């Protein structure tokens, strides 16, 4: 309940911010650009501009638009770009495309709640082709907005932009973590966040005895695939127990690991006797393995 309350609070802040800061681009369904094009909840609508016949966009200086909006009572407004563009779009049925985009994110994040998704063609498009396939870039799931394209049977590519709002569970460093330290619930913390932009795939599951830090990690750092490697079950210089199997019998003997090793990795070890013979061992557990 607390998590949902906090989420609604942050979404309400986002809505408040979006109502006071003008976007770089707005989409309209006809040639008329009205007050409701910027503020859908307006009670008394007013015509602001018209898109020139034969064109699909209109570019307006932000200062000019600000002055016009202030005359209608919108005083507390800001903007980021020098110009604001209005783009005409046709009412397209993009459900199939949206499902494909959602599928990509759900495959990448096993614990994700998609709150909303918008897809829009980069140019004016009257209708979607009858047959097409959706193509998404390999790292598109790392950010909340990006581009993709659909390809028709005639090999034509039509580019789209997407904007997704989603909540997912990830892990942060609970404390500073040194290199080659096992990750567990002791030094990591699971949090629910809104998808924004990640440098790499964030971790969504940390099983005990499976992962270790690849380098030193600062406290409160979001943990990603760049930060971890498989947990080393054998360390260089440690004593290991090697099992040697034959058809009729098996024996074990101690040896010294000459390199680190993770589960099922083949490493070199050296017998701990006068012969000092080096052999290969497949790591099967903590400081244990099978001779090969």
Protein backbone atom coordinates (compact mmCIF):
# COMPACT_ATOMS: atom_id res chain seq x y z
CA UNK A 1 0.00 0.00 0.00
CA UNK A 2 2.83 2.39 0.91
CA UNK A 3 4.61 1.62 -2.38
CA UNK A 4 1.49 2.40 -4.42
CA UNK A 5 0.93 5.64 -2.47
CA UNK A 6 4.50 6.77 -3.15
CA UNK A 7 4.18 5.86 -6.82
CA UNK A 8 0.98 7.91 -7.17
CA UNK A 9 2.71 10.81 -5.42
CA UNK A 10 5.65 10.81 -7.84
CA UNK A 11 3.35 10.44 -10.84
CA UNK A 12 1.30 13.41 -9.61
CA UNK A 13 4.50 15.45 -9.34
CA UNK A 14 5.40 14.43 -12.88
CA UNK A 15 1.93 15.49 -14.07
CA UNK A 16 2.29 18.83 -12.31
CA UNK A 17 5.71 19.36 -13.89
CA UNK A 18 4.45 18.41 -17.36
CA UNK A 19 1.63 20.97 -17.03
CA UNK A 20 4.05 23.82 -16.30
CA UNK A 21 6.93 22.98 -18.66
CA UNK A 22 6.17 22.99 -22.36
CA UNK A 23 7.23 19.94 -24.36
CA UNK A 24 9.52 20.12 -27.38
CA UNK A 25 6.84 18.51 -29.56
CA UNK A 26 3.06 18.10 -29.50
CA UNK A 27 0.90 15.86 -31.67
CA UNK A 28 -2.43 16.89 -33.16
CA UNK A 29 -5.00 14.92 -35.16
CA UNK A 30 -5.92 17.71 -37.59
CA UNK A 31 -4.62 21.00 -39.03
CA UNK A 32 -5.93 23.01 -36.08
CA UNK A 33 -3.68 23.60 -33.08
CA UNK A 34 -5.86 24.42 -30.09
CA UNK A 35 -5.35 25.16 -26.43
CA UNK A 36 -6.50 21.60 -25.72
CA UNK A 37 -3.59 20.34 -27.85
CA UNK A 38 -1.32 21.45 -24.99
CA UNK A 39 -3.75 21.17 -22.07
CA UNK A 40 -6.33 18.39 -22.71
CA UNK A 41 -8.36 19.27 -19.58
CA UNK A 42 -9.07 22.86 -20.66
CA UNK A 43 -12.76 23.84 -20.30
CA UNK A 44 -12.93 26.62 -22.92
CA UNK A 45 -10.96 25.70 -26.02
CA UNK A 46 -9.29 28.28 -28.26
CA UNK A 47 -7.65 28.05 -31.70
CA UNK A 48 -3.96 28.99 -31.48
CA UNK A 49 -2.51 28.14 -34.91
CA UNK A 50 -3.25 26.23 -38.09
CA UNK A 51 -0.88 23.91 -39.93
CA UNK A 52 -0.35 25.14 -43.49
CA UNK A 53 -2.33 23.15 -46.07
CA UNK A 54 -0.22 20.38 -47.59
CA UNK A 55 2.14 20.26 -44.60
CA UNK A 56 2.13 18.04 -41.52
CA UNK A 57 4.15 20.14 -39.05
CA UNK A 58 4.29 23.67 -37.69
CA UNK A 59 7.26 25.12 -35.82
CA UNK A 60 6.64 27.96 -33.38
CA UNK A 61 9.12 30.05 -31.40
CA UNK A 62 8.79 29.14 -27.72
CA UNK A 63 8.74 32.81 -26.62
CA UNK A 64 5.94 33.57 -29.06
CA UNK A 65 3.87 30.62 -27.80
CA UNK A 66 4.56 31.59 -24.18
CA UNK A 67 3.26 35.13 -24.80
CA UNK A 68 0.13 33.76 -26.47
CA UNK A 69 -0.56 31.29 -23.65
CA UNK A 70 -0.04 33.98 -21.01
CA UNK A 71 -2.80 36.01 -22.67
CA UNK A 72 -5.15 33.11 -21.89
CA UNK A 73 -4.13 32.97 -18.24
CA UNK A 74 -1.26 30.44 -18.35
CA UNK A 75 1.35 32.43 -16.43
CA UNK A 76 3.59 29.86 -14.71
CA UNK A 77 5.11 28.18 -17.78
CA UNK A 78 8.67 27.30 -18.76
CA UNK A 79 10.32 25.70 -21.82
CA UNK A 80 13.55 23.96 -22.73
CA UNK A 81 13.96 24.48 -26.47
CA UNK A 82 13.97 27.62 -28.57
CA UNK A 83 11.24 26.19 -30.82
CA UNK A 84 8.24 23.95 -30.22
CA UNK A 85 6.92 21.72 -32.98
CA UNK A 86 3.36 20.59 -33.62
CA UNK A 87 3.07 17.39 -35.68
CA UNK A 88 -0.07 16.15 -37.37
CA UNK A 89 -0.75 12.43 -36.90
CA UNK A 90 -3.50 10.18 -38.18
CA UNK A 91 -5.47 7.97 -35.73
CA UNK A 92 -3.56 4.70 -36.20
CA UNK A 93 -4.32 1.37 -34.56
CA UNK A 94 -0.93 0.65 -32.98
CA UNK A 95 -2.01 -2.13 -30.59
CA UNK A 96 0.02 -4.78 -32.43
CA UNK A 97 3.13 -2.60 -32.34
CA UNK A 98 2.62 -1.74 -28.67
CA UNK A 99 2.33 -5.43 -27.78
CA UNK A 100 5.63 -6.15 -29.53
CA UNK A 101 7.36 -3.32 -27.63
CA UNK A 102 5.89 -4.52 -24.33
CA UNK A 103 7.09 -8.04 -25.13
CA UNK A 104 10.68 -6.79 -25.49
CA UNK A 105 10.60 -5.10 -22.08
CA UNK A 106 8.91 -8.06 -20.37
CA UNK A 107 11.54 -10.42 -21.74
CA UNK A 108 14.33 -8.21 -20.44
CA UNK A 109 12.75 -7.48 -17.05
CA UNK A 110 11.07 -10.39 -15.29
CA UNK A 111 9.56 -8.06 -12.69
CA UNK A 112 8.14 -5.04 -14.52
CA UNK A 113 4.83 -3.19 -14.34
CA UNK A 114 4.18 -1.23 -17.54
CA UNK A 115 2.06 1.79 -16.63
CA UNK A 116 1.72 3.32 -20.10
CA UNK A 117 3.21 3.15 -23.59
CA UNK A 118 3.03 5.58 -26.50
CA UNK A 119 4.27 4.91 -30.04
CA UNK A 120 4.22 7.50 -32.83
CA UNK A 121 5.52 7.50 -36.41
CA UNK A 122 8.31 9.97 -37.09
CA UNK A 123 6.52 11.28 -40.16
CA UNK A 124 2.89 11.65 -41.14
CA UNK A 125 1.31 8.27 -41.74
CA UNK A 126 -2.28 7.86 -42.95
CA UNK A 127 -2.52 4.10 -42.37
CA UNK A 128 -0.31 1.24 -41.26
CA UNK A 129 0.75 -1.35 -43.86
CA UNK A 130 -1.26 -4.58 -43.85
CA UNK A 131 1.75 -6.81 -43.17
CA UNK A 132 4.88 -5.77 -41.28
CA UNK A 133 7.37 -6.85 -38.64
CA UNK A 134 8.56 -4.81 -35.66
CA UNK A 135 12.31 -4.29 -35.19
CA UNK A 136 13.67 -2.95 -31.89
CA UNK A 137 17.33 -2.09 -31.24
CA UNK A 138 19.15 -4.41 -28.84
CA UNK A 139 19.64 -1.77 -26.10
CA UNK A 140 16.26 -0.02 -26.39
CA UNK A 141 15.09 -1.63 -23.14
CA UNK A 142 17.68 0.39 -21.21
CA UNK A 143 15.76 3.67 -21.58
CA UNK A 144 12.22 4.94 -21.29
CA UNK A 145 12.18 6.52 -24.72
CA UNK A 146 13.77 5.57 -28.01
CA UNK A 147 13.24 4.61 -31.62
CA UNK A 148 12.36 1.49 -33.59
CA UNK A 149 11.03 0.66 -37.05
CA UNK A 150 8.56 -1.61 -38.77
CA UNK A 151 9.50 -3.37 -42.00
CA UNK A 152 6.95 -4.12 -44.70
CA UNK A 153 6.97 -7.13 -47.03
CA UNK A 154 8.48 -4.80 -49.64
CA UNK A 155 11.47 -4.19 -47.27
CA UNK A 156 10.38 -0.61 -46.59
CA UNK A 157 11.29 0.72 -43.15
CA UNK A 158 8.96 3.08 -41.27
CA UNK A 159 10.47 4.65 -38.16
CA UNK A 160 8.63 5.25 -34.88
CA UNK A 161 9.41 6.76 -31.47
CA UNK A 162 8.27 5.19 -28.22
CA UNK A 163 7.77 6.51 -24.69
CA UNK A 164 7.22 4.01 -21.91
CA UNK A 165 6.43 4.48 -18.23
CA UNK A 166 7.21 1.40 -16.18
CA UNK A 167 8.00 0.39 -12.65
CA UNK A 168 10.52 -2.36 -11.92
CA UNK A 169 12.49 -3.89 -9.07
CA UNK A 170 16.27 -3.57 -9.06
CA UNK A 171 19.18 -3.83 -6.63
CA UNK A 172 21.40 -1.16 -5.10
CA UNK A 173 24.58 -1.50 -3.05
CA UNK A 174 23.50 -1.28 0.60
CA UNK A 175 27.10 -0.40 1.52
CA UNK A 176 30.44 0.02 -0.20
CA UNK A 177 31.40 -3.34 -1.72
CA UNK A 178 34.98 -4.36 -2.39
CA UNK A 179 36.09 -6.23 -5.50
CA UNK A 180 35.51 -10.02 -5.52
CA UNK A 181 32.97 -9.84 -2.68
CA UNK A 182 29.99 -12.19 -2.77
CA UNK A 183 26.66 -10.39 -3.32
CA UNK A 184 23.84 -11.20 -0.94
CA UNK A 185 20.95 -9.63 0.97
CA UNK A 186 23.52 -8.36 3.48
CA UNK A 187 25.32 -5.94 1.13
CA UNK A 188 22.53 -5.28 -1.43
CA UNK A 189 19.08 -3.70 -1.21
CA UNK A 190 16.08 -4.35 -3.45
CA UNK A 191 14.12 -1.25 -4.53
CA UNK A 192 11.21 -0.43 -6.82
CA UNK A 193 11.97 2.42 -9.26
CA UNK A 194 10.57 4.07 -12.38
CA UNK A 195 12.41 3.12 -15.58
CA UNK A 196 14.52 6.04 -16.82
CA UNK A 197 17.90 5.35 -18.40
CA UNK A 198 20.43 2.65 -17.47
CA UNK A 199 24.07 2.28 -18.49
CA UNK A 200 23.63 -1.50 -18.60
CA UNK A 201 21.12 -4.21 -17.71
CA UNK A 202 20.18 -3.78 -14.01
CA UNK A 203 20.16 -6.84 -11.78
CA UNK A 204 16.69 -8.13 -10.90
CA UNK A 205 17.71 -11.22 -8.98
CA UNK A 206 20.60 -11.94 -6.62
CA UNK A 207 20.75 -15.54 -5.43
CA UNK A 208 23.05 -16.38 -2.54
CA UNK A 209 26.26 -18.09 -3.63
CA UNK A 210 25.94 -17.07 -7.29
CA UNK A 211 27.51 -13.64 -7.91
CA UNK A 212 30.43 -11.49 -6.82
CA UNK A 213 31.49 -7.91 -7.46
CA UNK A 214 33.68 -7.33 -10.50
CA UNK A 215 35.21 -4.15 -9.05
CA UNK A 216 34.83 -1.83 -6.07
CA UNK A 217 31.24 -0.54 -5.85
CA UNK A 218 30.18 2.60 -3.99
CA UNK A 219 27.25 2.65 -1.60
CA UNK A 220 23.82 3.35 -3.21
CA UNK A 221 25.09 2.38 -6.70
CA UNK A 222 22.55 0.70 -8.97
CA UNK A 223 23.89 -2.79 -9.66
CA UNK A 224 24.08 -3.84 -13.32
CA UNK A 225 25.56 -6.64 -15.38
CA UNK A 226 28.75 -4.55 -15.69
CA UNK A 227 29.31 -4.80 -11.95
CA UNK A 228 29.15 -8.57 -11.44
CA UNK A 229 30.68 -11.90 -12.43
CA UNK A 230 29.92 -15.46 -11.40
CA UNK A 231 31.02 -16.22 -7.85
CA UNK A 232 34.46 -17.86 -7.71
CA UNK A 233 34.16 -21.17 -5.86
CA UNK A 234 37.91 -21.64 -5.96
CA UNK A 235 40.56 -18.99 -5.33
CA UNK A 236 44.15 -19.05 -6.54
CA UNK A 237 46.49 -20.35 -3.81
CA UNK A 238 43.72 -22.11 -1.88
CA UNK A 239 43.75 -25.81 -1.05
CA UNK A 240 41.21 -27.83 -3.04
CA UNK A 241 39.98 -31.41 -2.91
CA UNK A 242 40.29 -33.17 -6.27
CA UNK A 243 38.25 -36.26 -7.11
CA UNK A 244 39.72 -38.70 -9.61
CA UNK A 245 37.24 -41.20 -11.04
CA UNK A 246 37.90 -44.42 -12.96
CA UNK A 247 35.66 -47.30 -14.05
CA UNK A 248 35.94 -49.26 -10.82
CA UNK A 249 37.02 -46.75 -8.20
CA UNK A 250 37.49 -43.13 -7.24
CA UNK A 251 40.05 -41.43 -5.07
CA UNK A 252 40.52 -37.89 -3.80
CA UNK A 253 43.62 -35.93 -3.02
CA UNK A 254 44.53 -32.38 -1.99
CA UNK A 255 45.96 -29.85 -4.42
CA UNK A 256 46.68 -26.14 -4.70
CA UNK A 257 44.58 -24.01 -7.06
CA UNK A 258 46.77 -22.13 -9.53
CA UNK A 259 43.90 -19.88 -10.67
CA UNK A 260 40.42 -18.76 -9.70
CA UNK A 261 37.46 -20.83 -10.90
CA UNK A 262 33.67 -20.62 -11.09
CA UNK A 263 31.20 -23.51 -11.30
CA UNK A 264 32.10 -26.03 -14.04
CA UNK A 265 35.11 -23.97 -15.14
CA UNK A 266 38.26 -25.95 -15.93
CA UNK A 267 41.29 -24.68 -14.03
CA UNK A 268 44.84 -25.84 -13.37
CA UNK A 269 45.81 -27.21 -9.95
CA UNK A 270 49.03 -28.64 -8.53
CA UNK A 271 49.31 -31.74 -6.36
CA UNK A 272 50.39 -31.03 -2.79
CA UNK A 273 53.16 -33.63 -2.63
CA UNK A 274 56.76 -34.02 -3.63
CA UNK A 275 55.92 -34.54 -7.32
CA UNK A 276 54.16 -31.14 -7.70
CA UNK A 277 52.37 -32.47 -10.78
CA UNK A 278 50.01 -30.00 -12.50
CA UNK A 279 46.63 -31.30 -13.66
CA UNK A 280 43.32 -29.91 -14.92
CA UNK A 281 40.24 -29.86 -12.67
CA UNK A 282 36.59 -29.01 -13.35
CA UNK A 283 35.20 -26.91 -10.48
CA UNK A 284 32.12 -28.60 -8.97
CA UNK A 285 31.71 -26.83 -5.61
CA UNK A 286 33.41 -24.76 -2.95
CA UNK A 287 37.11 -25.78 -3.16
CA UNK A 288 36.18 -29.10 -4.78
CA UNK A 289 36.40 -30.47 -8.32
CA UNK A 290 36.90 -33.43 -10.61
CA UNK A 291 40.19 -34.28 -12.35
CA UNK A 292 39.95 -34.39 -16.15
